[in-house]
Amino acid sequence: MTSLPEPLRPIDARITGWMARHGIAFTRIALGVIFLWFGIIKFVPEWSPATDLATRTIGRLTAGRVPPGLSLQVLAAWEVLIGLGLLTGRLLRITLLLLFVQMAGTLLPLVFFPAETFKHFPYAPTLEGQYIIKNLVLVAAAIVVGATVRGGRLTASPSKRP
């Protein structure tokens, strides 16, 4: 660890302590807002820019057995449930399971529709590809939240290892 000048150490300790105390809750709430918001707008197909790609992905996954309108409504409800679970902090294990399954599905357009998700495969994603790839941050944040379901927490200072 890089040493800070002495006058800054107490300030750094307070800021780091505050982040450790509140970071998980803020992350959980931010994830909840994103999922609730994106889920709600999927109930009105014209509002979500992801409608076409999402319904085509689900169509490919289900071999066309699920009509696009139904698949979008199910996806919307799924995302709203994830959002509500994260915002309330209730049933987090189930909520995170739903989130991880949904996130796996969001990555599939990269495989199913590479011409639409990459300008130059594999290093130059299109705007749609970038939208999908940023979901890796959501997955990482969900993993951090998931580390707390058994009482885990962040700490501002390292503990001594046995």
C-alpha atoms as a PDB file:
ATOM      1  CA  MET A   1       0.000   0.000   0.000  1.00  0.00           C
ATOM      2  CA  THR A   2       1.284   3.437  -0.883  1.00  0.00           C
ATOM      3  CA  SER A   3       1.737   5.545   2.168  1.00  0.00           C
ATOM      4  CA  LEU A   4      -0.239   8.750   2.378  1.00  0.00           C
ATOM      5  CA  PRO A   5       1.063  11.889   4.039  1.00  0.00           C
ATOM      6  CA  GLU A   6       0.178  11.824   7.737  1.00  0.00           C
ATOM      7  CA  PRO A   7      -2.454  14.626   7.587  1.00  0.00           C
ATOM      8  CA  LEU A   8      -4.437  12.689   4.952  1.00  0.00           C
ATOM      9  CA  ARG A   9      -4.484   9.299   6.717  1.00  0.00           C
ATOM     10  CA  PRO A  10      -7.459   9.983   9.027  1.00  0.00           C
ATOM     11  CA  ILE A  11      -9.492  11.377   6.125  1.00  0.00           C
ATOM     12  CA  ASP A  12      -8.609   8.369   3.982  1.00  0.00           C
ATOM     13  CA  ALA A  13      -9.578   6.011   6.813  1.00  0.00           C
ATOM     14  CA  ARG A  14     -12.967   7.725   7.264  1.00  0.00           C
ATOM     15  CA  ILE A  15     -13.735   7.684   3.534  1.00  0.00           C
ATOM     16  CA  THR A  16     -12.666   4.058   3.149  1.00  0.00           C
ATOM     17  CA  GLY A  17     -14.686   3.071   6.220  1.00  0.00           C
ATOM     18  CA  TRP A  18     -17.770   4.830   4.846  1.00  0.00           C
ATOM     19  CA  MET A  19     -17.390   3.035   1.499  1.00  0.00           C
ATOM     20  CA  ALA A  20     -16.997  -0.330   3.247  1.00  0.00           C
ATOM     21  CA  ARG A  21     -20.140   0.273   5.343  1.00  0.00           C
ATOM     22  CA  HIS A  22     -22.335   1.439   2.454  1.00  0.00           C
ATOM     23  CA  GLY A  23     -20.838   0.030  -0.749  1.00  0.00           C
ATOM     24  CA  ILE A  24     -22.715  -3.268  -0.807  1.00  0.00           C
ATOM     25  CA  ALA A  25     -26.088  -1.638  -0.142  1.00  0.00           C
ATOM     26  CA  PHE A  26     -25.468   1.003  -2.822  1.00  0.00           C
ATOM     27  CA  THR A  27     -24.415  -1.687  -5.287  1.00  0.00           C
ATOM     28  CA  ARG A  28     -27.508  -3.786  -4.536  1.00  0.00           C
ATOM     29  CA  ILE A  29     -29.819  -0.777  -4.866  1.00  0.00           C
ATOM     30  CA  ALA A  30     -28.149   0.408  -8.092  1.00  0.00           C
ATOM     31  CA  LEU A  31     -28.556  -3.066  -9.592  1.00  0.00           C
ATOM     32  CA  GLY A  32     -32.170  -3.100  -8.440  1.00  0.00           C
ATOM     33  CA  VAL A  33     -32.908   0.241 -10.069  1.00  0.00           C
ATOM     34  CA  ILE A  34     -31.339  -0.889 -13.358  1.00  0.00           C
ATOM     35  CA  PHE A  35     -33.274  -4.162 -13.483  1.00  0.00           C
ATOM     36  CA  LEU A  36     -36.569  -2.607 -12.396  1.00  0.00           C
ATOM     37  CA  TRP A  37     -36.236   0.249 -14.889  1.00  0.00           C
ATOM     38  CA  PHE A  38     -35.151  -1.909 -17.837  1.00  0.00           C
ATOM     39  CA  GLY A  39     -37.837  -4.456 -16.987  1.00  0.00           C
ATOM     40  CA  ILE A  40     -40.597  -1.865 -16.844  1.00  0.00           C
ATOM     41  CA  ILE A  41     -39.710  -0.367 -20.203  1.00  0.00           C
ATOM     42  CA  LYS A  42     -39.837  -3.816 -21.807  1.00  0.00           C
ATOM     43  CA  PHE A  43     -43.558  -3.965 -21.017  1.00  0.00           C
ATOM     44  CA  VAL A  44     -43.938  -1.230 -23.658  1.00  0.00           C
ATOM     45  CA  PRO A  45     -41.974  -2.579 -26.653  1.00  0.00           C
ATOM     46  CA  GLU A  46     -41.504   0.842 -28.272  1.00  0.00           C
ATOM     47  CA  TRP A  47     -39.706   2.092 -25.169  1.00  0.00           C
ATOM     48  CA  SER A  48     -36.914  -0.482 -25.071  1.00  0.00           C
ATOM     49  CA  PRO A  49     -34.122  -0.449 -27.635  1.00  0.00           C
ATOM     50  CA  ALA A  50     -33.399  -4.075 -26.687  1.00  0.00           C
ATOM     51  CA  THR A  51     -36.796  -5.416 -27.790  1.00  0.00           C
ATOM     52  CA  ASP A  52     -35.861  -6.772 -31.200  1.00  0.00           C
ATOM     53  CA  LEU A  53     -32.579  -8.388 -30.186  1.00  0.00           C
ATOM     54  CA  ALA A  54     -34.084  -9.819 -26.992  1.00  0.00           C
ATOM     55  CA  THR A  55     -37.081 -11.392 -28.717  1.00  0.00           C
ATOM     56  CA  ARG A  56     -34.952 -12.815 -31.532  1.00  0.00           C
ATOM     57  CA  THR A  57     -32.531 -14.299 -28.988  1.00  0.00           C
ATOM     58  CA  ILE A  58     -35.362 -15.916 -27.046  1.00  0.00           C
ATOM     59  CA  GLY A  59     -36.838 -17.116 -30.337  1.00  0.00           C
ATOM     60  CA  ARG A  60     -33.535 -18.763 -31.234  1.00  0.00           C
ATOM     61  CA  LEU A  61     -33.246 -20.294 -27.736  1.00  0.00           C
ATOM     62  CA  THR A  62     -36.763 -21.738 -27.862  1.00  0.00           C
ATOM     63  CA  ALA A  63     -36.641 -22.733 -31.560  1.00  0.00           C
ATOM     64  CA  GLY A  64     -39.476 -20.290 -32.216  1.00  0.00           C
ATOM     65  CA  ARG A  65     -41.903 -22.010 -29.822  1.00  0.00           C
ATOM     66  CA  VAL A  66     -42.443 -18.862 -27.752  1.00  0.00           C
ATOM     67  CA  PRO A  67     -44.079 -15.941 -29.576  1.00  0.00           C
ATOM     68  CA  PRO A  68     -42.060 -12.684 -29.443  1.00  0.00           C
ATOM     69  CA  GLY A  69     -44.795 -10.770 -27.597  1.00  0.00           C
ATOM     70  CA  LEU A  70     -44.991 -13.403 -24.859  1.00  0.00           C
ATOM     71  CA  SER A  71     -41.217 -13.750 -24.583  1.00  0.00           C
ATOM     72  CA  LEU A  72     -40.852 -10.000 -24.106  1.00  0.00           C
ATOM     73  CA  GLN A  73     -43.532  -9.931 -21.387  1.00  0.00           C
ATOM     74  CA  VAL A  74     -41.882 -12.840 -19.560  1.00  0.00           C
ATOM     75  CA  LEU A  75     -38.477 -11.158 -19.813  1.00  0.00           C
ATOM     76  CA  ALA A  76     -39.949  -7.875 -18.574  1.00  0.00           C
ATOM     77  CA  ALA A  77     -41.574  -9.588 -15.581  1.00  0.00           C
ATOM     78  CA  TRP A  78     -38.354 -11.519 -14.876  1.00  0.00           C
ATOM     79  CA  GLU A  79     -36.316  -8.299 -14.807  1.00  0.00           C
ATOM     80  CA  VAL A  80     -38.881  -6.506 -12.648  1.00  0.00           C
ATOM     81  CA  LEU A  81     -38.750  -9.397 -10.137  1.00  0.00           C
ATOM     82  CA  ILE A  82     -34.961  -9.189 -10.054  1.00  0.00           C
ATOM     83  CA  GLY A  83     -35.172  -5.423  -9.534  1.00  0.00           C
ATOM     84  CA  LEU A  84     -37.689  -5.720  -6.704  1.00  0.00           C
ATOM     85  CA  GLY A  85     -35.688  -8.484  -5.041  1.00  0.00           C
ATOM     86  CA  LEU A  86     -32.536  -6.386  -5.125  1.00  0.00           C
ATOM     87  CA  LEU A  87     -34.269  -3.210  -3.963  1.00  0.00           C
ATOM     88  CA  THR A  88     -35.935  -4.919  -1.022  1.00  0.00           C
ATOM     89  CA  GLY A  89     -32.996  -7.169  -0.186  1.00  0.00           C
ATOM     90  CA  ARG A  90     -35.460 -10.048   0.281  1.00  0.00           C
ATOM     91  CA  LEU A  91     -34.949 -13.514  -1.149  1.00  0.00           C
ATOM     92  CA  LEU A  92     -31.522 -12.508  -2.407  1.00  0.00           C
ATOM     93  CA  ARG A  93     -30.392 -16.052  -3.227  1.00  0.00           C
ATOM     94  CA  ILE A  94     -33.381 -16.587  -5.525  1.00  0.00           C
ATOM     95  CA  THR A  95     -33.070 -13.062  -6.920  1.00  0.00           C
ATOM     96  CA  LEU A  96     -29.398 -13.574  -7.734  1.00  0.00           C
ATOM     97  CA  LEU A  97     -30.122 -16.947  -9.329  1.00  0.00           C
ATOM     98  CA  LEU A  98     -32.705 -15.252 -11.579  1.00  0.00           C
ATOM     99  CA  LEU A  99     -30.180 -12.508 -12.328  1.00  0.00           C
ATOM    100  CA  PHE A 100     -27.381 -14.902 -13.302  1.00  0.00           C
ATOM    101  CA  VAL A 101     -29.669 -16.948 -15.560  1.00  0.00           C
ATOM    102  CA  GLN A 102     -30.954 -13.764 -17.189  1.00  0.00           C
ATOM    103  CA  MET A 103     -27.427 -12.410 -17.616  1.00  0.00           C
ATOM    104  CA  ALA A 104     -26.295 -15.623 -19.325  1.00  0.00           C
ATOM    105  CA  GLY A 105     -29.135 -15.071 -21.777  1.00  0.00           C
ATOM    106  CA  THR A 106     -28.117 -11.473 -22.407  1.00  0.00           C
ATOM    107  CA  LEU A 107     -24.702 -12.599 -23.624  1.00  0.00           C
ATOM    108  CA  LEU A 108     -26.138 -14.964 -26.236  1.00  0.00           C
ATOM    109  CA  PRO A 109     -26.647 -12.327 -28.973  1.00  0.00           C
ATOM    110  CA  LEU A 110     -22.847 -12.060 -29.121  1.00  0.00           C
ATOM    111  CA  VAL A 111     -22.867 -15.694 -30.285  1.00  0.00           C
ATOM    112  CA  PHE A 112     -26.193 -15.805 -32.140  1.00  0.00           C
ATOM    113  CA  PHE A 113     -25.879 -12.493 -33.983  1.00  0.00           C
ATOM    114  CA  PRO A 114     -22.174 -11.561 -34.266  1.00  0.00           C
ATOM    115  CA  ALA A 115     -22.767  -9.495 -37.414  1.00  0.00           C
ATOM    116  CA  GLU A 116     -25.054  -7.217 -35.383  1.00  0.00           C
ATOM    117  CA  THR A 117     -23.009  -7.136 -32.200  1.00  0.00           C
ATOM    118  CA  PHE A 118     -19.536  -6.655 -33.698  1.00  0.00           C
ATOM    119  CA  LYS A 119     -18.301  -4.296 -36.368  1.00  0.00           C
ATOM    120  CA  HIS A 120     -15.053  -6.306 -36.428  1.00  0.00           C
ATOM    121  CA  PHE A 121     -15.184  -9.573 -34.489  1.00  0.00           C
ATOM    122  CA  PRO A 122     -13.975  -9.962 -31.741  1.00  0.00           C
ATOM    123  CA  TYR A 123     -12.467  -6.603 -30.855  1.00  0.00           C
ATOM    124  CA  ALA A 124     -14.828  -3.880 -32.149  1.00  0.00           C
ATOM    125  CA  PRO A 125     -18.360  -4.243 -30.809  1.00  0.00           C
ATOM    126  CA  THR A 126     -21.258  -2.289 -32.248  1.00  0.00           C
ATOM    127  CA  LEU A 127     -23.355  -0.131 -29.944  1.00  0.00           C
ATOM    128  CA  GLU A 128     -25.581  -3.195 -29.348  1.00  0.00           C
ATOM    129  CA  GLY A 129     -22.488  -5.280 -28.587  1.00  0.00           C
ATOM    130  CA  GLN A 130     -21.233  -2.679 -26.126  1.00  0.00           C
ATOM    131  CA  TYR A 131     -24.657  -2.641 -24.461  1.00  0.00           C
ATOM    132  CA  ILE A 132     -24.374  -6.408 -24.002  1.00  0.00           C
ATOM    133  CA  ILE A 133     -20.726  -6.508 -22.938  1.00  0.00           C
ATOM    134  CA  LYS A 134     -21.292  -3.916 -20.190  1.00  0.00           C
ATOM    135  CA  ASN A 135     -23.430  -6.569 -18.516  1.00  0.00           C
ATOM    136  CA  LEU A 136     -20.181  -8.099 -17.278  1.00  0.00           C
ATOM    137  CA  VAL A 137     -20.055  -5.223 -14.782  1.00  0.00           C
ATOM    138  CA  LEU A 138     -23.581  -6.089 -13.610  1.00  0.00           C
ATOM    139  CA  VAL A 139     -22.531  -9.719 -13.151  1.00  0.00           C
ATOM    140  CA  ALA A 140     -19.455  -8.671 -11.162  1.00  0.00           C
ATOM    141  CA  ALA A 141     -21.570  -6.373  -8.973  1.00  0.00           C
ATOM    142  CA  ALA A 142     -24.070  -9.191  -8.396  1.00  0.00           C
ATOM    143  CA  ILE A 143     -21.230 -11.489  -7.333  1.00  0.00           C
ATOM    144  CA  VAL A 144     -20.143  -8.905  -4.761  1.00  0.00           C
ATOM    145  CA  VAL A 145     -23.724  -8.606  -3.463  1.00  0.00           C
ATOM    146  CA  GLY A 146     -23.979 -12.408  -3.439  1.00  0.00           C
ATOM    147  CA  ALA A 147     -20.934 -12.630  -1.190  1.00  0.00           C
ATOM    148  CA  THR A 148     -23.070 -11.058   1.551  1.00  0.00           C
ATOM    149  CA  VAL A 149     -26.029 -13.475   1.598  1.00  0.00           C
ATOM    150  CA  ARG A 150     -24.413 -15.463   4.420  1.00  0.00           C
ATOM    151  CA  GLY A 151     -23.407 -12.361   6.371  1.00  0.00           C
ATOM    152  CA  GLY A 152     -20.259 -11.422   4.474  1.00  0.00           C
ATOM    153  CA  ARG A 153     -19.292  -7.785   4.352  1.00  0.00           C
ATOM    154  CA  LEU A 154     -16.633  -5.384   3.161  1.00  0.00           C
ATOM    155  CA  THR A 155     -14.040  -4.164   5.581  1.00  0.00           C
ATOM    156  CA  ALA A 156     -12.018  -0.976   5.375  1.00  0.00           C
ATOM    157  CA  SER A 157      -8.822  -2.574   6.665  1.00  0.00           C
ATOM    158  CA  PRO A 158      -7.242  -5.957   6.032  1.00  0.00           C
ATOM    159  CA  SER A 159      -7.600  -8.578   8.691  1.00  0.00           C
ATOM    160  CA  LYS A 160      -4.709 -10.654   9.902  1.00  0.00           C
ATOM    161  CA  ARG A 161      -4.596 -14.078   8.317  1.00  0.00           C
ATOM    162  CA  PRO A 162      -4.229 -17.098  10.616  1.00  0.00           C
END
